[in-house]
Amino acid sequence: MFAQASAKTAEYAGKIVHVNEEGFLLDPTEWSPDIAVEIAKEEGIAELTPLHWQVIDFCRKHAVNGRSPTLRQITSGTGISTKEMFSLFPKGPAKKVARIAGLGKPEGCV
């Protein structure tokens, strides 16, 4: 199912998961909130607040083919401004929230 040349594994919260070369989970069903907390720490986010979880939950519910929604879709769907998103998930919020939510990198992210 995840047999890709660039596939590898990582361990989060005591669970082995399949990731790509950028650290995105290849199978969103391997994700858990505990894994999200550990990935967030890797991304420089010490604690996930209720606002972080609102965004993460939105992304997981609105993922298409395992890919996270775009930043515009997230801000429109959650009512959280782009400025707030950059505050919550500094330096590339769409990419960071996708990784933390256990989803593939959003289309258009470099």
PDB file of N, CA and C in Angstrom:
ATOM      1  N   MET A   1       0.823  -1.199   0.000  1.00  0.00           N
ATOM      2  CA  MET A   1       0.000   0.000   0.000  1.00  0.00           C
ATOM      3  C   MET A   1       0.861   1.255   0.000  1.00  0.00           C
ATOM      4  N   PHE A   2       1.923   1.280   0.786  1.00  0.00           N
ATOM      5  CA  PHE A   2       2.786   2.456   0.783  1.00  0.00           C
ATOM      6  C   PHE A   2       4.119   2.141   0.130  1.00  0.00           C
ATOM      7  N   ALA A   3       4.184   1.153  -0.698  1.00  0.00           N
ATOM      8  CA  ALA A   3       5.458   0.739  -1.301  1.00  0.00           C
ATOM      9  C   ALA A   3       5.953   1.813  -2.263  1.00  0.00           C
ATOM     10  N   GLN A   4       6.701   2.748  -1.733  1.00  0.00           N
ATOM     11  CA  GLN A   4       7.311   3.801  -2.539  1.00  0.00           C
ATOM     12  C   GLN A   4       8.815   3.716  -2.329  1.00  0.00           C
ATOM     13  N   ALA A   5       9.551   4.075  -3.342  1.00  0.00           N
ATOM     14  CA  ALA A   5      11.006   4.007  -3.255  1.00  0.00           C
ATOM     15  C   ALA A   5      11.533   4.883  -2.122  1.00  0.00           C
ATOM     16  N   SER A   6      10.845   5.991  -1.868  1.00  0.00           N
ATOM     17  CA  SER A   6      11.323   6.930  -0.852  1.00  0.00           C
ATOM     18  C   SER A   6      10.709   6.673   0.532  1.00  0.00           C
ATOM     19  N   ALA A   7       9.929   5.595   0.672  1.00  0.00           N
ATOM     20  CA  ALA A   7       9.266   5.310   1.944  1.00  0.00           C
ATOM     21  C   ALA A   7      10.277   4.857   2.986  1.00  0.00           C
ATOM     22  N   LYS A   8      10.041   5.284   4.209  1.00  0.00           N
ATOM     23  CA  LYS A   8      10.830   4.838   5.342  1.00  0.00           C
ATOM     24  C   LYS A   8       9.914   4.811   6.549  1.00  0.00           C
ATOM     25  N   THR A   9      10.448   4.466   7.703  1.00  0.00           N
ATOM     26  CA  THR A   9       9.627   4.443   8.902  1.00  0.00           C
ATOM     27  C   THR A   9      10.176   5.420   9.931  1.00  0.00           C
ATOM     28  N   ALA A  10       9.301   5.781  10.848  1.00  0.00           N
ATOM     29  CA  ALA A  10       9.664   6.638  11.975  1.00  0.00           C
ATOM     30  C   ALA A  10       8.886   6.129  13.177  1.00  0.00           C
ATOM     31  N   GLU A  11       9.362   6.459  14.358  1.00  0.00           N
ATOM     32  CA  GLU A  11       8.655   6.056  15.569  1.00  0.00           C
ATOM     33  C   GLU A  11       8.168   7.286  16.312  1.00  0.00           C
ATOM     34  N   TYR A  12       6.874   7.307  16.580  1.00  0.00           N
ATOM     35  CA  TYR A  12       6.243   8.376  17.355  1.00  0.00           C
ATOM     36  C   TYR A  12       5.333   7.725  18.381  1.00  0.00           C
ATOM     37  N   ALA A  13       5.391   8.202  19.583  1.00  0.00           N
ATOM     38  CA  ALA A  13       4.517   7.718  20.658  1.00  0.00           C
ATOM     39  C   ALA A  13       4.556   6.189  20.751  1.00  0.00           C
ATOM     40  N   GLY A  14       5.743   5.622  20.525  1.00  0.00           N
ATOM     41  CA  GLY A  14       5.914   4.171  20.641  1.00  0.00           C
ATOM     42  C   GLY A  14       5.343   3.371  19.490  1.00  0.00           C
ATOM     43  N   LYS A  15       4.954   4.045  18.408  1.00  0.00           N
ATOM     44  CA  LYS A  15       4.360   3.353  17.263  1.00  0.00           C
ATOM     45  C   LYS A  15       5.209   3.612  16.018  1.00  0.00           C
ATOM     46  N   ILE A  16       5.472   2.565  15.251  1.00  0.00           N
ATOM     47  CA  ILE A  16       6.202   2.702  13.996  1.00  0.00           C
ATOM     48  C   ILE A  16       5.205   3.102  12.907  1.00  0.00           C
ATOM     49  N   VAL A  17       5.522   4.172  12.178  1.00  0.00           N
ATOM     50  CA  VAL A  17       4.664   4.645  11.095  1.00  0.00           C
ATOM     51  C   VAL A  17       5.498   4.779   9.820  1.00  0.00           C
ATOM     52  N   HIS A  18       4.828   4.770   8.678  1.00  0.00           N
ATOM     53  CA  HIS A  18       5.487   4.911   7.384  1.00  0.00           C
ATOM     54  C   HIS A  18       5.445   6.379   6.970  1.00  0.00           C
ATOM     55  N   VAL A  19       6.601   6.916   6.606  1.00  0.00           N
ATOM     56  CA  VAL A  19       6.717   8.321   6.227  1.00  0.00           C
ATOM     57  C   VAL A  19       7.471   8.459   4.908  1.00  0.00           C
ATOM     58  N   ASN A  20       7.314   9.618   4.267  1.00  0.00           N
ATOM     59  CA  ASN A  20       8.101   9.888   3.070  1.00  0.00           C
ATOM     60  C   ASN A  20       9.383  10.613   3.469  1.00  0.00           C
ATOM     61  N   GLU A  21      10.162  11.027   2.477  1.00  0.00           N
ATOM     62  CA  GLU A  21      11.455  11.662   2.758  1.00  0.00           C
ATOM     63  C   GLU A  21      11.318  12.982   3.507  1.00  0.00           C
ATOM     64  N   GLU A  22      10.131  13.613   3.470  1.00  0.00           N
ATOM     65  CA  GLU A  22       9.920  14.871   4.189  1.00  0.00           C
ATOM     66  C   GLU A  22       9.276  14.663   5.559  1.00  0.00           C
ATOM     67  N   GLY A  23       8.997  13.415   5.920  1.00  0.00           N
ATOM     68  CA  GLY A  23       8.426  13.128   7.227  1.00  0.00           C
ATOM     69  C   GLY A  23       6.909  13.134   7.289  1.00  0.00           C
ATOM     70  N   PHE A  24       6.245  13.185   6.126  1.00  0.00           N
ATOM     71  CA  PHE A  24       4.783  13.122   6.099  1.00  0.00           C
ATOM     72  C   PHE A  24       4.345  11.663   6.166  1.00  0.00           C
ATOM     73  N   LEU A  25       3.345  11.373   7.002  1.00  0.00           N
ATOM     74  CA  LEU A  25       2.822  10.018   7.071  1.00  0.00           C
ATOM     75  C   LEU A  25       2.260   9.613   5.710  1.00  0.00           C
ATOM     76  N   LEU A  26       2.526   8.386   5.313  1.00  0.00           N
ATOM     77  CA  LEU A  26       2.017   7.878   4.045  1.00  0.00           C
ATOM     78  C   LEU A  26       0.629   7.277   4.193  1.00  0.00           C
ATOM     79  N   ASP A  27       0.279   6.882   5.412  1.00  0.00           N
ATOM     80  CA  ASP A  27      -1.030   6.281   5.666  1.00  0.00           C
ATOM     81  C   ASP A  27      -1.695   7.032   6.817  1.00  0.00           C
ATOM     82  N   PRO A  28      -2.696   7.887   6.516  1.00  0.00           N
ATOM     83  CA  PRO A  28      -3.347   8.685   7.557  1.00  0.00           C
ATOM     84  C   PRO A  28      -3.982   7.845   8.670  1.00  0.00           C
ATOM     85  N   THR A  29      -4.247   6.563   8.412  1.00  0.00           N
ATOM     86  CA  THR A  29      -4.844   5.725   9.464  1.00  0.00           C
ATOM     87  C   THR A  29      -3.832   5.347  10.539  1.00  0.00           C
ATOM     88  N   GLU A  30      -2.548   5.555  10.274  1.00  0.00           N
ATOM     89  CA  GLU A  30      -1.524   5.281  11.296  1.00  0.00           C
ATOM     90  C   GLU A  30      -1.424   6.409  12.321  1.00  0.00           C
ATOM     91  N   TRP A  31      -2.073   7.529  12.059  1.00  0.00           N
ATOM     92  CA  TRP A  31      -2.003   8.725  12.897  1.00  0.00           C
ATOM     93  C   TRP A  31      -2.793   8.550  14.189  1.00  0.00           C
ATOM     94  N   SER A  32      -2.361   9.252  15.217  1.00  0.00           N
ATOM     95  CA  SER A  32      -3.109   9.357  16.473  1.00  0.00           C
ATOM     96  C   SER A  32      -2.805  10.728  17.080  1.00  0.00           C
ATOM     97  N   PRO A  33      -3.643  11.191  18.005  1.00  0.00           N
ATOM     98  CA  PRO A  33      -3.341  12.467  18.667  1.00  0.00           C
ATOM     99  C   PRO A  33      -1.976  12.466  19.363  1.00  0.00           C
ATOM    100  N   ASP A  34      -1.564  11.326  19.920  1.00  0.00           N
ATOM    101  CA  ASP A  34      -0.245  11.262  20.570  1.00  0.00           C
ATOM    102  C   ASP A  34       0.880  11.471  19.562  1.00  0.00           C
ATOM    103  N   ILE A  35       0.694  10.915  18.373  1.00  0.00           N
ATOM    104  CA  ILE A  35       1.682  11.117  17.310  1.00  0.00           C
ATOM    105  C   ILE A  35       1.711  12.589  16.918  1.00  0.00           C
ATOM    106  N   ALA A  36       0.546  13.219  16.837  1.00  0.00           N
ATOM    107  CA  ALA A  36       0.467  14.644  16.491  1.00  0.00           C
ATOM    108  C   ALA A  36       1.276  15.492  17.458  1.00  0.00           C
ATOM    109  N   VAL A  37       1.171  15.192  18.736  1.00  0.00           N
ATOM    110  CA  VAL A  37       1.900  15.952  19.759  1.00  0.00           C
ATOM    111  C   VAL A  37       3.408  15.846  19.527  1.00  0.00           C
ATOM    112  N   GLU A  38       3.889  14.651  19.211  1.00  0.00           N
ATOM    113  CA  GLU A  38       5.325  14.463  18.996  1.00  0.00           C
ATOM    114  C   GLU A  38       5.801  15.150  17.714  1.00  0.00           C
ATOM    115  N   ILE A  39       5.009  15.055  16.649  1.00  0.00           N
ATOM    116  CA  ILE A  39       5.388  15.727  15.400  1.00  0.00           C
ATOM    117  C   ILE A  39       5.373  17.240  15.597  1.00  0.00           C
ATOM    118  N   ALA A  40       4.400  17.749  16.341  1.00  0.00           N
ATOM    119  CA  ALA A  40       4.342  19.189  16.620  1.00  0.00           C
ATOM    120  C   ALA A  40       5.615  19.654  17.318  1.00  0.00           C
ATOM    121  N   LYS A  41       6.092  18.878  18.269  1.00  0.00           N
ATOM    122  CA  LYS A  41       7.342  19.242  18.960  1.00  0.00           C
ATOM    123  C   LYS A  41       8.502  19.292  17.978  1.00  0.00           C
ATOM    124  N   GLU A  42       8.550  18.326  17.030  1.00  0.00           N
ATOM    125  CA  GLU A  42       9.591  18.363  15.996  1.00  0.00           C
ATOM    126  C   GLU A  42       9.489  19.626  15.152  1.00  0.00           C
ATOM    127  N   GLU A  43       8.275  20.099  14.970  1.00  0.00           N
ATOM    128  CA  GLU A  43       8.029  21.301  14.164  1.00  0.00           C
ATOM    129  C   GLU A  43       8.191  22.586  14.978  1.00  0.00           C
ATOM    130  N   GLY A  44       8.591  22.470  16.239  1.00  0.00           N
ATOM    131  CA  GLY A  44       8.831  23.650  17.064  1.00  0.00           C
ATOM    132  C   GLY A  44       7.609  24.165  17.801  1.00  0.00           C
ATOM    133  N   ILE A  45       6.552  23.346  17.860  1.00  0.00           N
ATOM    134  CA  ILE A  45       5.338  23.743  18.580  1.00  0.00           C
ATOM    135  C   ILE A  45       5.292  22.926  19.869  1.00  0.00           C
ATOM    136  N   ALA A  46       5.592  23.588  20.972  1.00  0.00           N
ATOM    137  CA  ALA A  46       5.745  22.892  22.253  1.00  0.00           C
ATOM    138  C   ALA A  46       4.443  22.295  22.773  1.00  0.00           C
ATOM    139  N   GLU A  47       3.323  22.982  22.524  1.00  0.00           N
ATOM    140  CA  GLU A  47       2.041  22.514  23.046  1.00  0.00           C
ATOM    141  C   GLU A  47       0.947  22.788  22.029  1.00  0.00           C
ATOM    142  N   LEU A  48       0.089  21.800  21.831  1.00  0.00           N
ATOM    143  CA  LEU A  48      -1.062  21.972  20.940  1.00  0.00           C
ATOM    144  C   LEU A  48      -2.245  22.473  21.762  1.00  0.00           C
ATOM    145  N   THR A  49      -2.682  23.692  21.458  1.00  0.00           N
ATOM    146  CA  THR A  49      -3.795  24.332  22.160  1.00  0.00           C
ATOM    147  C   THR A  49      -5.115  23.893  21.525  1.00  0.00           C
ATOM    148  N   PRO A  50      -6.241  24.228  22.152  1.00  0.00           N
ATOM    149  CA  PRO A  50      -7.534  23.923  21.515  1.00  0.00           C
ATOM    150  C   PRO A  50      -7.667  24.507  20.100  1.00  0.00           C
ATOM    151  N   LEU A  51      -7.064  25.679  19.853  1.00  0.00           N
ATOM    152  CA  LEU A  51      -7.114  26.270  18.517  1.00  0.00           C
ATOM    153  C   LEU A  51      -6.310  25.433  17.514  1.00  0.00           C
ATOM    154  N   HIS A  52      -5.157  24.930  17.938  1.00  0.00           N
ATOM    155  CA  HIS A  52      -4.390  24.011  17.086  1.00  0.00           C
ATOM    156  C   HIS A  52      -5.247  22.790  16.736  1.00  0.00           C
ATOM    157  N   TRP A  53      -5.884  22.208  17.754  1.00  0.00           N
ATOM    158  CA  TRP A  53      -6.693  21.006  17.532  1.00  0.00           C
ATOM    159  C   TRP A  53      -7.879  21.279  16.620  1.00  0.00           C
ATOM    160  N   GLN A  54      -8.440  22.494  16.698  1.00  0.00           N
ATOM    161  CA  GLN A  54      -9.547  22.852  15.808  1.00  0.00           C
ATOM    162  C   GLN A  54      -9.078  22.763  14.350  1.00  0.00           C
ATOM    163  N   VAL A  55      -7.887  23.287  14.081  1.00  0.00           N
ATOM    164  CA  VAL A  55      -7.336  23.257  12.727  1.00  0.00           C
ATOM    165  C   VAL A  55      -6.997  21.826  12.317  1.00  0.00           C
ATOM    166  N   ILE A  56      -6.351  21.084  13.206  1.00  0.00           N
ATOM    167  CA  ILE A  56      -5.978  19.693  12.915  1.00  0.00           C
ATOM    168  C   ILE A  56      -7.222  18.859  12.614  1.00  0.00           C
ATOM    169  N   ASP A  57      -8.235  18.989  13.457  1.00  0.00           N
ATOM    170  CA  ASP A  57      -9.475  18.226  13.246  1.00  0.00           C
ATOM    171  C   ASP A  57     -10.143  18.610  11.928  1.00  0.00           C
ATOM    172  N   PHE A  58     -10.163  19.901  11.609  1.00  0.00           N
ATOM    173  CA  PHE A  58     -10.738  20.346  10.347  1.00  0.00           C
ATOM    174  C   PHE A  58     -10.000  19.692   9.170  1.00  0.00           C
ATOM    175  N   CYS A  59      -8.676  19.722   9.226  1.00  0.00           N
ATOM    176  CA  CYS A  59      -7.875  19.154   8.131  1.00  0.00           C
ATOM    177  C   CYS A  59      -8.122  17.661   7.976  1.00  0.00           C
ATOM    178  N   ARG A  60      -8.200  16.947   9.077  1.00  0.00           N
ATOM    179  CA  ARG A  60      -8.435  15.500   8.983  1.00  0.00           C
ATOM    180  C   ARG A  60      -9.827  15.204   8.421  1.00  0.00           C
ATOM    181  N   LYS A  61     -10.815  16.008   8.804  1.00  0.00           N
ATOM    182  CA  LYS A  61     -12.180  15.779   8.312  1.00  0.00           C
ATOM    183  C   LYS A  61     -12.340  16.169   6.853  1.00  0.00           C
ATOM    184  N   HIS A  62     -11.535  17.110   6.364  1.00  0.00           N
ATOM    185  CA  HIS A  62     -11.693  17.627   5.006  1.00  0.00           C
ATOM    186  C   HIS A  62     -10.549  17.226   4.079  1.00  0.00           C
ATOM    187  N   ALA A  63      -9.793  16.226   4.458  1.00  0.00           N
ATOM    188  CA  ALA A  63      -8.719  15.727   3.597  1.00  0.00           C
ATOM    189  C   ALA A  63      -9.325  15.053   2.366  1.00  0.00           C
ATOM    190  N   VAL A  64      -8.650  15.212   1.257  1.00  0.00           N
ATOM    191  CA  VAL A  64      -9.084  14.578   0.018  1.00  0.00           C
ATOM    192  C   VAL A  64      -7.952  13.672  -0.458  1.00  0.00           C
ATOM    193  N   ASN A  65      -8.260  12.381  -0.562  1.00  0.00           N
ATOM    194  CA  ASN A  65      -7.248  11.392  -0.959  1.00  0.00           C
ATOM    195  C   ASN A  65      -6.009  11.451  -0.060  1.00  0.00           C
ATOM    196  N   GLY A  66      -6.215  11.664   1.233  1.00  0.00           N
ATOM    197  CA  GLY A  66      -5.109  11.709   2.181  1.00  0.00           C
ATOM    198  C   GLY A  66      -4.322  13.001   2.177  1.00  0.00           C
ATOM    199  N   ARG A  67      -4.745  13.976   1.385  1.00  0.00           N
ATOM    200  CA  ARG A  67      -4.053  15.265   1.314  1.00  0.00           C
ATOM    201  C   ARG A  67      -4.812  16.314   2.114  1.00  0.00           C
ATOM    202  N   SER A  68      -4.048  17.128   2.804  1.00  0.00           N
ATOM    203  CA  SER A  68      -4.626  18.186   3.624  1.00  0.00           C
ATOM    204  C   SER A  68      -5.223  19.292   2.758  1.00  0.00           C
ATOM    205  N   PRO A  69      -6.235  19.979   3.274  1.00  0.00           N
ATOM    206  CA  PRO A  69      -6.768  21.151   2.558  1.00  0.00           C
ATOM    207  C   PRO A  69      -5.696  22.237   2.419  1.00  0.00           C
ATOM    208  N   THR A  70      -5.914  23.145   1.497  1.00  0.00           N
ATOM    209  CA  THR A  70      -4.998  24.273   1.318  1.00  0.00           C
ATOM    210  C   THR A  70      -5.191  25.279   2.453  1.00  0.00           C
ATOM    211  N   LEU A  71      -4.267  26.209   2.575  1.00  0.00           N
ATOM    212  CA  LEU A  71      -4.369  27.237   3.608  1.00  0.00           C
ATOM    213  C   LEU A  71      -5.660  28.033   3.439  1.00  0.00           C
ATOM    214  N   ARG A  72      -6.014  28.356   2.211  1.00  0.00           N
ATOM    215  CA  ARG A  72      -7.247  29.114   1.964  1.00  0.00           C
ATOM    216  C   ARG A  72      -8.469  28.317   2.422  1.00  0.00           C
ATOM    217  N   GLN A  73      -8.493  27.020   2.127  1.00  0.00           N
ATOM    218  CA  GLN A  73      -9.612  26.175   2.557  1.00  0.00           C
ATOM    219  C   GLN A  73      -9.677  26.098   4.081  1.00  0.00           C
ATOM    220  N   ILE A  74      -8.517  26.023   4.719  1.00  0.00           N
ATOM    221  CA  ILE A  74      -8.475  25.948   6.193  1.00  0.00           C
ATOM    222  C   ILE A  74      -9.000  27.240   6.802  1.00  0.00           C
ATOM    223  N   THR A  75      -8.515  28.391   6.308  1.00  0.00           N
ATOM    224  CA  THR A  75      -8.945  29.666   6.894  1.00  0.00           C
ATOM    225  C   THR A  75     -10.427  29.902   6.643  1.00  0.00           C
ATOM    226  N   SER A  76     -10.907  29.550   5.449  1.00  0.00           N
ATOM    227  CA  SER A  76     -12.336  29.715   5.146  1.00  0.00           C
ATOM    228  C   SER A  76     -13.192  28.787   5.998  1.00  0.00           C
ATOM    229  N   GLY A  77     -12.747  27.558   6.157  1.00  0.00           N
ATOM    230  CA  GLY A  77     -13.534  26.555   6.871  1.00  0.00           C
ATOM    231  C   GLY A  77     -13.535  26.690   8.380  1.00  0.00           C
ATOM    232  N   THR A  78     -12.458  27.256   8.928  1.00  0.00           N
ATOM    233  CA  THR A  78     -12.353  27.368  10.384  1.00  0.00           C
ATOM    234  C   THR A  78     -12.643  28.770  10.893  1.00  0.00           C
ATOM    235  N   GLY A  79     -12.564  29.761  10.003  1.00  0.00           N
ATOM    236  CA  GLY A  79     -12.733  31.146  10.439  1.00  0.00           C
ATOM    237  C   GLY A  79     -11.482  31.701  11.112  1.00  0.00           C
ATOM    238  N   ILE A  80     -10.393  30.953  11.042  1.00  0.00           N
ATOM    239  CA  ILE A  80      -9.121  31.399  11.621  1.00  0.00           C
ATOM    240  C   ILE A  80      -8.363  32.131  10.522  1.00  0.00           C
ATOM    241  N   SER A  81      -7.928  33.350  10.804  1.00  0.00           N
ATOM    242  CA  SER A  81      -7.270  34.164   9.788  1.00  0.00           C
ATOM    243  C   SER A  81      -5.906  33.594   9.399  1.00  0.00           C
ATOM    244  N   THR A  82      -5.434  34.015   8.232  1.00  0.00           N
ATOM    245  CA  THR A  82      -4.107  33.597   7.780  1.00  0.00           C
ATOM    246  C   THR A  82      -3.047  34.036   8.786  1.00  0.00           C
ATOM    247  N   LYS A  83      -3.199  35.249   9.316  1.00  0.00           N
ATOM    248  CA  LYS A  83      -2.245  35.754  10.313  1.00  0.00           C
ATOM    249  C   LYS A  83      -2.228  34.844  11.542  1.00  0.00           C
ATOM    250  N   GLU A  84      -3.405  34.428  12.013  1.00  0.00           N
ATOM    251  CA  GLU A  84      -3.478  33.522  13.160  1.00  0.00           C
ATOM    252  C   GLU A  84      -2.847  32.165  12.827  1.00  0.00           C
ATOM    253  N   MET A  85      -3.070  31.698  11.599  1.00  0.00           N
ATOM    254  CA  MET A  85      -2.487  30.421  11.181  1.00  0.00           C
ATOM    255  C   MET A  85      -0.971  30.470  11.244  1.00  0.00           C
ATOM    256  N   PHE A  86      -0.384  31.595  10.802  1.00  0.00           N
ATOM    257  CA  PHE A  86       1.071  31.735  10.870  1.00  0.00           C
ATOM    258  C   PHE A  86       1.552  31.838  12.311  1.00  0.00           C
ATOM    259  N   SER A  87       0.709  32.331  13.190  1.00  0.00           N
ATOM    260  CA  SER A  87       1.052  32.383  14.614  1.00  0.00           C
ATOM    261  C   SER A  87       0.993  30.988  15.227  1.00  0.00           C
ATOM    262  N   LEU A  88      -0.031  30.219  14.855  1.00  0.00           N
ATOM    263  CA  LEU A  88      -0.190  28.858  15.378  1.00  0.00           C
ATOM    264  C   LEU A  88       0.846  27.895  14.814  1.00  0.00           C
ATOM    265  N   PHE A  89       1.083  28.003  13.508  1.00  0.00           N
ATOM    266  CA  PHE A  89       1.986  27.097  12.786  1.00  0.00           C
ATOM    267  C   PHE A  89       2.988  27.934  11.996  1.00  0.00           C
ATOM    268  N   PRO A  90       4.008  28.484  12.688  1.00  0.00           N
ATOM    269  CA  PRO A  90       4.945  29.412  12.047  1.00  0.00           C
ATOM    270  C   PRO A  90       5.685  28.812  10.846  1.00  0.00           C
ATOM    271  N   LYS A  91       6.013  29.686   9.903  1.00  0.00           N
ATOM    272  CA  LYS A  91       6.842  29.335   8.744  1.00  0.00           C
ATOM    273  C   LYS A  91       6.248  28.201   7.917  1.00  0.00           C
ATOM    274  N   GLY A  92       5.107  28.434   7.352  1.00  0.00           N
ATOM    275  CA  GLY A  92       4.494  27.429   6.490  1.00  0.00           C
ATOM    276  C   GLY A  92       3.370  26.674   7.151  1.00  0.00           C
ATOM    277  N   PRO A  93       2.294  27.356   7.536  1.00  0.00           N
ATOM    278  CA  PRO A  93       1.233  26.710   8.305  1.00  0.00           C
ATOM    279  C   PRO A  93       0.546  25.545   7.599  1.00  0.00           C
ATOM    280  N   ALA A  94       0.278  25.641   6.320  1.00  0.00           N
ATOM    281  CA  ALA A  94      -0.433  24.553   5.634  1.00  0.00           C
ATOM    282  C   ALA A  94       0.403  23.281   5.649  1.00  0.00           C
ATOM    283  N   LYS A  95       1.682  23.418   5.385  1.00  0.00           N
ATOM    284  CA  LYS A  95       2.585  22.265   5.367  1.00  0.00           C
ATOM    285  C   LYS A  95       2.744  21.678   6.774  1.00  0.00           C
ATOM    286  N   LYS A  96       2.920  22.547   7.772  1.00  0.00           N
ATOM    287  CA  LYS A  96       3.101  22.064   9.151  1.00  0.00           C
ATOM    288  C   LYS A  96       1.854  21.372   9.675  1.00  0.00           C
ATOM    289  N   VAL A  97       0.696  21.971   9.473  1.00  0.00           N
ATOM    290  CA  VAL A  97      -0.522  21.359  10.001  1.00  0.00           C
ATOM    291  C   VAL A  97      -0.792  20.033   9.286  1.00  0.00           C
ATOM    292  N   ALA A  98      -0.474  19.954   8.004  1.00  0.00           N
ATOM    293  CA  ALA A  98      -0.662  18.688   7.276  1.00  0.00           C
ATOM    294  C   ALA A  98       0.201  17.596   7.896  1.00  0.00           C
ATOM    295  N   ARG A  99       1.446  17.918   8.172  1.00  0.00           N
ATOM    296  CA  ARG A  99       2.361  16.914   8.754  1.00  0.00           C
ATOM    297  C   ARG A  99       1.874  16.509  10.149  1.00  0.00           C
ATOM    298  N   ILE A 100       1.494  17.484  10.967  1.00  0.00           N
ATOM    299  CA  ILE A 100       1.031  17.198  12.320  1.00  0.00           C
ATOM    300  C   ILE A 100      -0.270  16.392  12.300  1.00  0.00           C
ATOM    301  N   ALA A 101      -1.130  16.670  11.315  1.00  0.00           N
ATOM    302  CA  ALA A 101      -2.407  15.972  11.203  1.00  0.00           C
ATOM    303  C   ALA A 101      -2.281  14.595  10.558  1.00  0.00           C
ATOM    304  N   GLY A 102      -1.059  14.219  10.180  1.00  0.00           N
ATOM    305  CA  GLY A 102      -0.846  12.893   9.595  1.00  0.00           C
ATOM    306  C   GLY A 102      -1.319  12.777   8.168  1.00  0.00           C
ATOM    307  N   LEU A 103      -1.320  13.906   7.446  1.00  0.00           N
ATOM    308  CA  LEU A 103      -1.821  13.915   6.069  1.00  0.00           C
ATOM    309  C   LEU A 103      -0.663  14.230   5.104  1.00  0.00           C
ATOM    310  N   GLY A 104      -0.939  14.024   3.822  1.00  0.00           N
ATOM    311  CA  GLY A 104       0.032  14.354   2.803  1.00  0.00           C
ATOM    312  C   GLY A 104       0.169  15.856   2.643  1.00  0.00           C
ATOM    313  N   LYS A 105       1.295  16.259   2.107  1.00  0.00           N
ATOM    314  CA  LYS A 105       1.561  17.680   1.879  1.00  0.00           C
ATOM    315  C   LYS A 105       0.492  18.259   0.955  1.00  0.00           C
ATOM    316  N   PRO A 106      -0.061  19.433   1.305  1.00  0.00           N
ATOM    317  CA  PRO A 106      -1.088  20.041   0.454  1.00  0.00           C
ATOM    318  C   PRO A 106      -0.544  20.367  -0.932  1.00  0.00           C
ATOM    319  N   GLU A 107      -1.419  20.329  -1.925  1.00  0.00           N
ATOM    320  CA  GLU A 107      -1.043  20.701  -3.282  1.00  0.00           C
ATOM    321  C   GLU A 107      -0.517  22.134  -3.285  1.00  0.00           C
ATOM    322  N   GLY A 108       0.523  22.373  -4.033  1.00  0.00           N
ATOM    323  CA  GLY A 108       1.071  23.713  -4.158  1.00  0.00           C
ATOM    324  C   GLY A 108       2.147  24.055  -3.130  1.00  0.00           C
ATOM    325  N   CYS A 109       2.364  23.198  -2.129  1.00  0.00           N
ATOM    326  CA  CYS A 109       3.420  23.452  -1.147  1.00  0.00           C
ATOM    327  C   CYS A 109       4.745  22.962  -1.716  1.00  0.00           C
ATOM    328  N   VAL A 110       5.778  23.753  -1.479  1.00  0.00           N
ATOM    329  CA  VAL A 110       7.107  23.355  -1.933  1.00  0.00           C
ATOM    330  C   VAL A 110       7.911  22.775  -0.807  1.00  0.00           C
TER     331      VAL A 110
END
